[in-house]
Amino acid sequence: MVRNFEGRPLPPEIVERLLANARRGPSAGFTQGFELLVLEGAEQTGRFWDVSLPPAERDGFRWPGLLRAPLVIVAFADERAYRERYAEPDKRSSAFRVPWWLVDTSFAALLVLLTAVDAGLGALFFGVFRPEAVRAAFGVPIRYLPLGAIAVGYPAPDEPSPSLRRGHRPAAEVIHRGHW
């Protein structure tokens, strides 16, 4: 996860590859119940930051280089799409043991992150600070839940998150082979 970016734009073919790969992830019932708001360039990303992290609140923001990312993709989940899909004759189920709209949207976001790294870029998945303001500023219908945003760009020298000091949990605590 990169929190400091150069401001230079990304080649259009890389942006299209990020978006194409996001659409190829697994999807429960092939519902494809996610939407991506793609914000490119200083005008669009600046508008995102102005509503989600207003200039008056940026003093002391730990990662000001995050605001230089030339691409921000906001991933939205659509629960209604799954409820409608699973009411169709080939599915006929309204019992969701797992909220697939969140899972599938997360898969799409992860594919953007992996594609960015594969292309030699930096990326960061982060929560949308003011989801209602972002929704209003970009005309997003209320039915779409902003799951998170992904900043993508060329990485600049970065300070790793202090959370990394925690380290990875030992494999023996996470991986259970054959039994718990």
N, C-alpha and C. Protein backbone atom coordinates (compact mmCIF):
# COMPACT_ATOMS: atom_id res chain seq x y z
N MET A 1 0.84 -1.17 0.00
CA MET A 1 0.00 0.00 0.00
C MET A 1 0.89 1.24 0.00
N VAL A 2 0.68 2.08 -0.98
CA VAL A 2 1.49 3.29 -1.16
C VAL A 2 0.65 4.51 -0.78
N ARG A 3 1.24 5.41 -0.02
CA ARG A 3 0.51 6.60 0.42
C ARG A 3 1.14 7.90 -0.08
N ASN A 4 2.11 7.79 -0.97
CA ASN A 4 2.76 8.97 -1.51
C ASN A 4 2.97 8.74 -3.01
N PHE A 5 2.45 9.65 -3.80
CA PHE A 5 2.48 9.49 -5.25
C PHE A 5 3.10 10.68 -5.95
N GLU A 6 3.68 10.39 -7.11
CA GLU A 6 4.02 11.44 -8.05
C GLU A 6 2.72 11.87 -8.71
N GLY A 7 2.67 13.08 -9.21
CA GLY A 7 1.44 13.57 -9.82
C GLY A 7 1.30 13.25 -11.30
N ARG A 8 2.32 12.62 -11.90
CA ARG A 8 2.24 12.43 -13.36
C ARG A 8 1.13 11.46 -13.75
N PRO A 9 0.49 11.75 -14.87
CA PRO A 9 -0.65 10.93 -15.30
C PRO A 9 -0.24 9.52 -15.71
N LEU A 10 -1.22 8.65 -15.68
CA LEU A 10 -1.01 7.27 -16.09
C LEU A 10 -1.35 7.12 -17.57
N PRO A 11 -0.65 6.26 -18.27
CA PRO A 11 -1.02 5.99 -19.66
C PRO A 11 -2.43 5.40 -19.73
N PRO A 12 -3.23 5.84 -20.69
CA PRO A 12 -4.61 5.33 -20.80
C PRO A 12 -4.70 3.81 -20.88
N GLU A 13 -3.74 3.16 -21.52
CA GLU A 13 -3.81 1.70 -21.64
C GLU A 13 -3.67 1.01 -20.28
N ILE A 14 -2.94 1.62 -19.35
CA ILE A 14 -2.82 1.04 -18.02
C ILE A 14 -4.14 1.21 -17.26
N VAL A 15 -4.74 2.39 -17.39
CA VAL A 15 -6.02 2.62 -16.73
C VAL A 15 -7.06 1.62 -17.25
N GLU A 16 -7.09 1.42 -18.55
CA GLU A 16 -8.05 0.49 -19.13
C GLU A 16 -7.78 -0.95 -18.68
N ARG A 17 -6.53 -1.30 -18.51
CA ARG A 17 -6.17 -2.64 -18.02
C ARG A 17 -6.64 -2.83 -16.58
N LEU A 18 -6.47 -1.80 -15.75
CA LEU A 18 -6.95 -1.87 -14.37
C LEU A 18 -8.45 -2.14 -14.33
N LEU A 19 -9.18 -1.39 -15.16
CA LEU A 19 -10.64 -1.50 -15.17
C LEU A 19 -11.10 -2.82 -15.78
N ALA A 20 -10.43 -3.27 -16.82
CA ALA A 20 -10.80 -4.54 -17.45
C ALA A 20 -10.59 -5.70 -16.48
N ASN A 21 -9.48 -5.68 -15.76
CA ASN A 21 -9.22 -6.76 -14.81
C ASN A 21 -10.22 -6.73 -13.65
N ALA A 22 -10.61 -5.56 -13.21
CA ALA A 22 -11.61 -5.45 -12.13
C ALA A 22 -12.90 -6.15 -12.52
N ARG A 23 -13.27 -6.09 -13.76
CA ARG A 23 -14.52 -6.68 -14.24
C ARG A 23 -14.44 -8.19 -14.40
N ARG A 24 -13.27 -8.77 -14.28
CA ARG A 24 -13.10 -10.20 -14.51
C ARG A 24 -13.09 -11.05 -13.24
N GLY A 25 -13.34 -10.43 -12.11
CA GLY A 25 -13.32 -11.16 -10.85
C GLY A 25 -14.52 -12.07 -10.68
N PRO A 26 -14.44 -12.95 -9.70
CA PRO A 26 -15.57 -13.82 -9.39
C PRO A 26 -16.80 -12.99 -9.04
N SER A 27 -17.97 -13.53 -9.33
CA SER A 27 -19.21 -12.83 -9.05
C SER A 27 -20.31 -13.85 -8.75
N ALA A 28 -20.85 -13.78 -7.55
CA ALA A 28 -21.91 -14.71 -7.15
C ALA A 28 -23.08 -14.59 -8.12
N GLY A 29 -23.47 -15.72 -8.68
CA GLY A 29 -24.57 -15.74 -9.63
C GLY A 29 -24.29 -14.91 -10.87
N PHE A 30 -23.03 -14.60 -11.09
CA PHE A 30 -22.60 -13.70 -12.17
C PHE A 30 -23.42 -12.41 -12.17
N THR A 31 -23.72 -11.95 -10.97
CA THR A 31 -24.52 -10.74 -10.77
C THR A 31 -23.77 -9.49 -11.19
N GLN A 32 -22.47 -9.47 -10.90
CA GLN A 32 -21.63 -8.32 -11.24
C GLN A 32 -22.18 -7.04 -10.60
N GLY A 33 -22.55 -7.15 -9.34
CA GLY A 33 -23.20 -6.05 -8.63
C GLY A 33 -22.25 -5.06 -8.00
N PHE A 34 -21.35 -4.56 -8.79
CA PHE A 34 -20.49 -3.47 -8.31
C PHE A 34 -20.39 -2.44 -9.41
N GLU A 35 -20.07 -1.25 -9.01
CA GLU A 35 -19.88 -0.12 -9.93
C GLU A 35 -18.58 0.56 -9.54
N LEU A 36 -17.89 1.11 -10.52
CA LEU A 36 -16.64 1.81 -10.27
C LEU A 36 -16.75 3.25 -10.76
N LEU A 37 -16.50 4.18 -9.87
CA LEU A 37 -16.44 5.59 -10.22
C LEU A 37 -14.97 5.89 -10.48
N VAL A 38 -14.62 6.21 -11.71
CA VAL A 38 -13.23 6.41 -12.12
C VAL A 38 -12.96 7.90 -12.22
N LEU A 39 -12.03 8.37 -11.43
CA LEU A 39 -11.68 9.79 -11.39
C LEU A 39 -10.22 9.93 -11.81
N GLU A 40 -10.01 10.60 -12.95
CA GLU A 40 -8.67 10.74 -13.50
C GLU A 40 -8.29 12.21 -13.60
N GLY A 41 -7.03 12.49 -13.32
CA GLY A 41 -6.52 13.83 -13.50
C GLY A 41 -6.82 14.74 -12.33
N ALA A 42 -6.10 15.85 -12.28
CA ALA A 42 -6.16 16.76 -11.14
C ALA A 42 -7.56 17.34 -10.91
N GLU A 43 -8.30 17.61 -11.98
CA GLU A 43 -9.63 18.20 -11.80
C GLU A 43 -10.57 17.23 -11.10
N GLN A 44 -10.65 16.00 -11.60
CA GLN A 44 -11.58 15.02 -11.02
C GLN A 44 -11.12 14.53 -9.66
N THR A 45 -9.84 14.19 -9.53
CA THR A 45 -9.36 13.72 -8.23
C THR A 45 -9.38 14.85 -7.21
N GLY A 46 -9.09 16.07 -7.66
CA GLY A 46 -9.15 17.23 -6.77
C GLY A 46 -10.55 17.44 -6.23
N ARG A 47 -11.54 17.25 -7.07
CA ARG A 47 -12.93 17.36 -6.63
C ARG A 47 -13.26 16.28 -5.59
N PHE A 48 -12.76 15.06 -5.83
CA PHE A 48 -12.95 13.99 -4.85
C PHE A 48 -12.38 14.39 -3.50
N TRP A 49 -11.13 14.88 -3.52
CA TRP A 49 -10.49 15.23 -2.25
C TRP A 49 -11.16 16.44 -1.61
N ASP A 50 -11.63 17.38 -2.41
CA ASP A 50 -12.29 18.55 -1.84
C ASP A 50 -13.55 18.18 -1.06
N VAL A 51 -14.28 17.16 -1.51
CA VAL A 51 -15.49 16.78 -0.79
C VAL A 51 -15.22 15.72 0.29
N SER A 52 -14.21 14.89 0.10
CA SER A 52 -13.97 13.84 1.08
C SER A 52 -12.97 14.24 2.16
N LEU A 53 -12.08 15.14 1.85
CA LEU A 53 -11.11 15.67 2.81
C LEU A 53 -10.92 17.16 2.50
N PRO A 54 -11.88 18.00 2.93
CA PRO A 54 -11.85 19.42 2.57
C PRO A 54 -10.53 20.09 2.94
N PRO A 55 -10.12 21.07 2.13
CA PRO A 55 -8.84 21.76 2.37
C PRO A 55 -8.67 22.26 3.81
N ALA A 56 -9.72 22.72 4.43
CA ALA A 56 -9.63 23.23 5.80
C ALA A 56 -9.26 22.15 6.81
N GLU A 57 -9.42 20.89 6.43
CA GLU A 57 -9.12 19.78 7.33
C GLU A 57 -7.84 19.04 6.98
N ARG A 58 -7.08 19.57 6.06
CA ARG A 58 -5.88 18.86 5.61
C ARG A 58 -4.64 19.15 6.44
N ASP A 59 -4.68 20.19 7.26
CA ASP A 59 -3.54 20.46 8.13
C ASP A 59 -3.32 19.25 9.03
N GLY A 60 -2.13 18.75 9.05
CA GLY A 60 -1.81 17.61 9.89
C GLY A 60 -2.17 16.27 9.28
N PHE A 61 -2.72 16.28 8.05
CA PHE A 61 -3.00 14.99 7.39
C PHE A 61 -1.68 14.29 7.15
N ARG A 62 -1.55 13.09 7.65
CA ARG A 62 -0.27 12.38 7.66
C ARG A 62 0.31 12.07 6.29
N TRP A 63 -0.55 11.90 5.28
CA TRP A 63 -0.08 11.49 3.97
C TRP A 63 -0.53 12.46 2.88
N PRO A 64 0.01 13.68 2.86
CA PRO A 64 -0.43 14.65 1.84
C PRO A 64 -0.12 14.20 0.41
N GLY A 65 0.89 13.35 0.22
CA GLY A 65 1.22 12.86 -1.11
C GLY A 65 0.16 11.93 -1.69
N LEU A 66 -0.74 11.44 -0.85
CA LEU A 66 -1.85 10.63 -1.31
C LEU A 66 -2.73 11.44 -2.26
N LEU A 67 -2.84 12.73 -1.99
CA LEU A 67 -3.71 13.59 -2.79
C LEU A 67 -3.15 13.87 -4.18
N ARG A 68 -1.91 13.44 -4.45
CA ARG A 68 -1.32 13.61 -5.78
C ARG A 68 -1.59 12.44 -6.71
N ALA A 69 -2.19 11.37 -6.21
CA ALA A 69 -2.46 10.20 -7.07
C ALA A 69 -3.28 10.65 -8.27
N PRO A 70 -2.85 10.31 -9.48
CA PRO A 70 -3.56 10.77 -10.67
C PRO A 70 -4.84 10.00 -10.98
N LEU A 71 -5.09 8.93 -10.22
CA LEU A 71 -6.28 8.11 -10.46
C LEU A 71 -6.85 7.68 -9.11
N VAL A 72 -8.14 7.89 -8.96
CA VAL A 72 -8.87 7.39 -7.80
C VAL A 72 -10.08 6.64 -8.34
N ILE A 73 -10.23 5.41 -7.90
CA ILE A 73 -11.37 4.58 -8.30
C ILE A 73 -12.17 4.28 -7.04
N VAL A 74 -13.42 4.69 -7.03
CA VAL A 74 -14.28 4.41 -5.89
C VAL A 74 -15.14 3.20 -6.24
N ALA A 75 -15.07 2.18 -5.39
CA ALA A 75 -15.80 0.93 -5.62
C ALA A 75 -17.11 0.95 -4.83
N PHE A 76 -18.20 0.73 -5.55
CA PHE A 76 -19.54 0.74 -4.95
C PHE A 76 -20.16 -0.64 -5.06
N ALA A 77 -20.79 -1.08 -3.96
CA ALA A 77 -21.51 -2.36 -3.93
C ALA A 77 -23.01 -2.10 -4.10
N ASP A 78 -23.67 -3.02 -4.78
CA ASP A 78 -25.10 -2.88 -5.06
C ASP A 78 -25.85 -4.10 -4.53
N GLU A 79 -26.31 -4.03 -3.30
CA GLU A 79 -27.04 -5.14 -2.68
C GLU A 79 -28.29 -5.49 -3.46
N ARG A 80 -29.00 -4.49 -3.94
CA ARG A 80 -30.25 -4.74 -4.66
C ARG A 80 -30.04 -5.63 -5.89
N ALA A 81 -28.93 -5.46 -6.57
CA ALA A 81 -28.65 -6.29 -7.75
C ALA A 81 -28.63 -7.77 -7.37
N TYR A 82 -28.09 -8.11 -6.20
CA TYR A 82 -28.03 -9.51 -5.75
C TYR A 82 -29.39 -10.01 -5.32
N ARG A 83 -30.14 -9.16 -4.65
CA ARG A 83 -31.50 -9.56 -4.24
C ARG A 83 -32.36 -9.83 -5.48
N GLU A 84 -32.21 -9.01 -6.50
CA GLU A 84 -32.97 -9.22 -7.74
C GLU A 84 -32.48 -10.46 -8.47
N ARG A 85 -31.17 -10.62 -8.56
CA ARG A 85 -30.61 -11.78 -9.27
C ARG A 85 -31.03 -13.09 -8.61
N TYR A 86 -30.99 -13.12 -7.28
CA TYR A 86 -31.30 -14.36 -6.57
C TYR A 86 -32.81 -14.60 -6.42
N ALA A 87 -33.61 -13.72 -7.00
CA ALA A 87 -35.06 -13.95 -7.11
C ALA A 87 -35.40 -14.55 -8.48
N GLU A 88 -34.43 -14.61 -9.38
CA GLU A 88 -34.65 -15.16 -10.71
C GLU A 88 -34.80 -16.69 -10.63
N PRO A 89 -35.49 -17.29 -11.61
CA PRO A 89 -35.78 -18.73 -11.56
C PRO A 89 -34.57 -19.64 -11.37
N ASP A 90 -33.42 -19.30 -11.96
CA ASP A 90 -32.28 -20.20 -11.83
C ASP A 90 -31.57 -20.08 -10.48
N LYS A 91 -31.99 -19.15 -9.65
CA LYS A 91 -31.36 -18.98 -8.33
C LYS A 91 -32.37 -19.18 -7.20
N ARG A 92 -33.45 -18.47 -7.22
CA ARG A 92 -34.54 -18.57 -6.24
C ARG A 92 -34.05 -18.76 -4.80
N SER A 93 -33.38 -17.78 -4.29
CA SER A 93 -32.94 -17.81 -2.90
C SER A 93 -32.82 -16.40 -2.39
N SER A 94 -33.38 -16.16 -1.24
CA SER A 94 -33.21 -14.84 -0.65
C SER A 94 -32.38 -14.91 0.62
N ALA A 95 -31.90 -16.10 0.94
CA ALA A 95 -31.08 -16.28 2.14
C ALA A 95 -29.61 -16.10 1.77
N PHE A 96 -29.04 -15.06 2.25
CA PHE A 96 -27.62 -14.80 2.01
C PHE A 96 -26.85 -15.07 3.29
N ARG A 97 -26.06 -16.11 3.28
CA ARG A 97 -25.21 -16.39 4.43
C ARG A 97 -24.01 -15.46 4.44
N VAL A 98 -23.68 -14.95 3.27
CA VAL A 98 -22.56 -14.03 3.09
C VAL A 98 -23.09 -12.88 2.23
N PRO A 99 -22.75 -11.64 2.56
CA PRO A 99 -23.18 -10.52 1.71
C PRO A 99 -22.32 -10.45 0.44
N TRP A 100 -22.76 -11.19 -0.59
CA TRP A 100 -21.96 -11.34 -1.81
C TRP A 100 -21.68 -10.01 -2.48
N TRP A 101 -22.52 -8.99 -2.33
CA TRP A 101 -22.27 -7.68 -2.92
C TRP A 101 -21.00 -7.07 -2.36
N LEU A 102 -20.69 -7.34 -1.10
CA LEU A 102 -19.45 -6.83 -0.50
C LEU A 102 -18.26 -7.67 -0.95
N VAL A 103 -18.45 -8.98 -1.02
CA VAL A 103 -17.37 -9.88 -1.44
C VAL A 103 -16.96 -9.58 -2.88
N ASP A 104 -17.94 -9.52 -3.77
CA ASP A 104 -17.61 -9.32 -5.19
C ASP A 104 -17.00 -7.95 -5.44
N THR A 105 -17.49 -6.93 -4.75
CA THR A 105 -16.91 -5.59 -4.90
C THR A 105 -15.48 -5.59 -4.37
N SER A 106 -15.25 -6.33 -3.29
CA SER A 106 -13.89 -6.44 -2.75
C SER A 106 -12.95 -7.15 -3.73
N PHE A 107 -13.46 -8.19 -4.39
CA PHE A 107 -12.66 -8.87 -5.41
C PHE A 107 -12.26 -7.88 -6.51
N ALA A 108 -13.20 -7.08 -6.96
CA ALA A 108 -12.91 -6.11 -8.02
C ALA A 108 -11.83 -5.13 -7.56
N ALA A 109 -11.95 -4.66 -6.33
CA ALA A 109 -10.95 -3.72 -5.79
C ALA A 109 -9.58 -4.40 -5.69
N LEU A 110 -9.56 -5.63 -5.23
CA LEU A 110 -8.29 -6.35 -5.12
C LEU A 110 -7.64 -6.53 -6.49
N LEU A 111 -8.46 -6.82 -7.50
CA LEU A 111 -7.89 -6.97 -8.84
C LEU A 111 -7.30 -5.67 -9.36
N VAL A 112 -7.89 -4.54 -9.00
CA VAL A 112 -7.29 -3.26 -9.36
C VAL A 112 -5.93 -3.12 -8.66
N LEU A 113 -5.89 -3.44 -7.38
CA LEU A 113 -4.63 -3.35 -6.63
C LEU A 113 -3.55 -4.25 -7.22
N LEU A 114 -3.90 -5.50 -7.50
CA LEU A 114 -2.92 -6.43 -8.05
C LEU A 114 -2.45 -6.02 -9.44
N THR A 115 -3.37 -5.53 -10.24
CA THR A 115 -3.00 -5.08 -11.59
C THR A 115 -2.07 -3.87 -11.51
N ALA A 116 -2.33 -2.98 -10.58
CA ALA A 116 -1.46 -1.81 -10.40
C ALA A 116 -0.05 -2.24 -10.04
N VAL A 117 0.08 -3.15 -9.10
CA VAL A 117 1.41 -3.64 -8.70
C VAL A 117 2.08 -4.34 -9.88
N ASP A 118 1.32 -5.14 -10.62
CA ASP A 118 1.86 -5.84 -11.77
C ASP A 118 2.37 -4.87 -12.83
N ALA A 119 1.75 -3.68 -12.91
CA ALA A 119 2.16 -2.67 -13.89
C ALA A 119 3.26 -1.77 -13.36
N GLY A 120 3.78 -2.07 -12.18
CA GLY A 120 4.87 -1.27 -11.61
C GLY A 120 4.39 0.01 -10.94
N LEU A 121 3.12 0.07 -10.60
CA LEU A 121 2.56 1.25 -9.97
C LEU A 121 2.38 1.03 -8.47
N GLY A 122 2.05 2.10 -7.79
CA GLY A 122 1.67 2.01 -6.39
C GLY A 122 0.17 2.17 -6.28
N ALA A 123 -0.40 1.63 -5.22
CA ALA A 123 -1.84 1.75 -5.02
C ALA A 123 -2.15 1.66 -3.54
N LEU A 124 -3.30 2.21 -3.18
CA LEU A 124 -3.76 2.18 -1.80
C LEU A 124 -5.27 2.04 -1.79
N PHE A 125 -5.77 1.06 -1.05
CA PHE A 125 -7.20 0.95 -0.80
C PHE A 125 -7.47 1.66 0.52
N PHE A 126 -8.47 2.53 0.54
CA PHE A 126 -8.78 3.26 1.77
C PHE A 126 -10.28 3.51 1.85
N GLY A 127 -10.75 3.75 3.05
CA GLY A 127 -12.15 4.05 3.25
C GLY A 127 -12.49 5.42 2.72
N VAL A 128 -13.70 5.58 2.25
CA VAL A 128 -14.17 6.89 1.78
C VAL A 128 -14.51 7.70 3.01
N PHE A 129 -13.83 8.83 3.18
CA PHE A 129 -13.95 9.63 4.40
C PHE A 129 -15.35 10.21 4.60
N ARG A 130 -15.96 10.73 3.56
CA ARG A 130 -17.30 11.32 3.63
C ARG A 130 -18.16 10.74 2.50
N PRO A 131 -18.68 9.54 2.72
CA PRO A 131 -19.39 8.87 1.63
C PRO A 131 -20.59 9.65 1.10
N GLU A 132 -21.35 10.29 1.95
CA GLU A 132 -22.52 11.03 1.47
C GLU A 132 -22.11 12.22 0.62
N ALA A 133 -21.04 12.89 1.00
CA ALA A 133 -20.56 14.03 0.22
C ALA A 133 -20.04 13.58 -1.14
N VAL A 134 -19.36 12.44 -1.17
CA VAL A 134 -18.86 11.90 -2.43
C VAL A 134 -20.03 11.49 -3.31
N ARG A 135 -21.00 10.85 -2.70
CA ARG A 135 -22.19 10.42 -3.45
C ARG A 135 -22.87 11.64 -4.08
N ALA A 136 -23.06 12.70 -3.30
CA ALA A 136 -23.73 13.90 -3.80
C ALA A 136 -22.91 14.61 -4.88
N ALA A 137 -21.61 14.71 -4.68
CA ALA A 137 -20.75 15.44 -5.62
C ALA A 137 -20.68 14.78 -6.99
N PHE A 138 -20.81 13.45 -7.02
CA PHE A 138 -20.65 12.73 -8.27
C PHE A 138 -21.95 12.09 -8.77
N GLY A 139 -23.06 12.42 -8.14
CA GLY A 139 -24.36 11.95 -8.61
C GLY A 139 -24.59 10.45 -8.47
N VAL A 140 -24.03 9.85 -7.44
CA VAL A 140 -24.16 8.41 -7.24
C VAL A 140 -25.52 8.12 -6.56
N PRO A 141 -26.34 7.28 -7.15
CA PRO A 141 -27.63 6.95 -6.54
C PRO A 141 -27.45 6.32 -5.15
N ILE A 142 -28.42 6.54 -4.32
CA ILE A 142 -28.38 6.10 -2.92
C ILE A 142 -28.23 4.59 -2.77
N ARG A 143 -28.66 3.82 -3.73
CA ARG A 143 -28.62 2.36 -3.59
C ARG A 143 -27.20 1.80 -3.59
N TYR A 144 -26.22 2.58 -4.00
CA TYR A 144 -24.84 2.09 -4.09
C TYR A 144 -24.05 2.46 -2.84
N LEU A 145 -23.48 1.44 -2.23
CA LEU A 145 -22.69 1.62 -1.01
C LEU A 145 -21.23 1.80 -1.39
N PRO A 146 -20.62 2.94 -1.02
CA PRO A 146 -19.19 3.10 -1.30
C PRO A 146 -18.37 2.23 -0.35
N LEU A 147 -17.80 1.18 -0.91
CA LEU A 147 -17.05 0.23 -0.10
C LEU A 147 -15.65 0.76 0.23
N GLY A 148 -15.08 1.51 -0.69
CA GLY A 148 -13.76 2.07 -0.48
C GLY A 148 -13.26 2.70 -1.76
N ALA A 149 -12.12 3.32 -1.67
CA ALA A 149 -11.50 3.97 -2.83
C ALA A 149 -10.09 3.42 -3.01
N ILE A 150 -9.62 3.49 -4.24
CA ILE A 150 -8.28 3.02 -4.57
C ILE A 150 -7.56 4.17 -5.26
N ALA A 151 -6.47 4.61 -4.66
CA ALA A 151 -5.60 5.61 -5.29
C ALA A 151 -4.53 4.83 -6.04
N VAL A 152 -4.26 5.26 -7.28
CA VAL A 152 -3.27 4.57 -8.11
C VAL A 152 -2.37 5.61 -8.75
N GLY A 153 -1.09 5.31 -8.81
CA GLY A 153 -0.15 6.20 -9.48
C GLY A 153 1.27 5.69 -9.35
N TYR A 154 2.18 6.53 -9.82
CA TYR A 154 3.59 6.20 -9.69
C TYR A 154 4.01 6.51 -8.25
N PRO A 155 4.60 5.53 -7.57
CA PRO A 155 4.95 5.77 -6.17
C PRO A 155 6.10 6.76 -6.02
N ALA A 156 6.00 7.57 -5.00
CA ALA A 156 7.07 8.47 -4.59
C ALA A 156 7.63 7.90 -3.29
N PRO A 157 8.79 8.39 -2.83
CA PRO A 157 9.31 7.88 -1.55
C PRO A 157 8.21 7.96 -0.49
N ASP A 158 8.08 6.88 0.25
CA ASP A 158 6.93 6.73 1.11
C ASP A 158 7.35 6.34 2.52
N GLU A 159 6.53 6.71 3.48
CA GLU A 159 6.71 6.28 4.86
C GLU A 159 5.71 5.16 5.12
N PRO A 160 6.19 3.98 5.41
CA PRO A 160 5.26 2.87 5.63
C PRO A 160 4.31 3.15 6.80
N SER A 161 3.17 2.54 6.75
CA SER A 161 2.19 2.68 7.83
C SER A 161 2.77 2.13 9.12
N PRO A 162 2.57 2.83 10.23
CA PRO A 162 3.03 2.30 11.51
C PRO A 162 2.37 0.96 11.88
N SER A 163 1.24 0.69 11.29
CA SER A 163 0.54 -0.58 11.56
C SER A 163 1.39 -1.78 11.16
N LEU A 164 2.30 -1.60 10.21
CA LEU A 164 3.13 -2.71 9.74
C LEU A 164 4.05 -3.24 10.84
N ARG A 165 4.29 -2.44 11.86
CA ARG A 165 5.14 -2.90 12.96
C ARG A 165 4.54 -4.12 13.66
N ARG A 166 3.25 -4.30 13.51
CA ARG A 166 2.59 -5.45 14.11
C ARG A 166 3.10 -6.76 13.52
N GLY A 167 3.52 -6.69 12.27
CA GLY A 167 3.99 -7.89 11.58
C GLY A 167 2.86 -8.82 11.21
N HIS A 168 3.18 -9.79 10.38
CA HIS A 168 2.20 -10.80 9.98
C HIS A 168 1.99 -11.78 11.13
N ARG A 169 0.78 -12.24 11.27
CA ARG A 169 0.53 -13.30 12.23
C ARG A 169 1.27 -14.54 11.76
N PRO A 170 1.75 -15.34 12.68
CA PRO A 170 2.44 -16.58 12.27
C PRO A 170 1.50 -17.48 11.47
N ALA A 171 2.07 -18.15 10.50
CA ALA A 171 1.29 -19.04 9.64
C ALA A 171 0.52 -20.07 10.46
N ALA A 172 1.10 -20.57 11.53
CA ALA A 172 0.45 -21.59 12.35
C ALA A 172 -0.83 -21.07 13.01
N GLU A 173 -0.94 -19.76 13.19
CA GLU A 173 -2.16 -19.18 13.77
C GLU A 173 -3.24 -18.95 12.72
N VAL A 174 -2.85 -18.90 11.47
CA VAL A 174 -3.78 -18.53 10.41
C VAL A 174 -4.20 -19.72 9.56
N ILE A 175 -3.28 -20.62 9.32
CA ILE A 175 -3.52 -21.73 8.40
C ILE A 175 -3.80 -22.99 9.21
N HIS A 176 -4.93 -23.62 8.91
CA HIS A 176 -5.36 -24.82 9.61
C HIS A 176 -5.47 -25.94 8.60
N ARG A 177 -4.55 -26.86 8.64
CA ARG A 177 -4.49 -27.95 7.65
C ARG A 177 -5.18 -29.19 8.18
N GLY A 178 -6.32 -29.48 7.58
CA GLY A 178 -7.05 -30.70 7.92
C GLY A 178 -7.95 -30.58 9.15
N HIS A 179 -7.67 -29.67 10.07
CA HIS A 179 -8.50 -29.46 11.25
C HIS A 179 -8.14 -28.10 11.85
N TRP A 180 -8.96 -27.65 12.74
CA TRP A 180 -8.70 -26.34 13.37
C TRP A 180 -7.73 -26.51 14.49
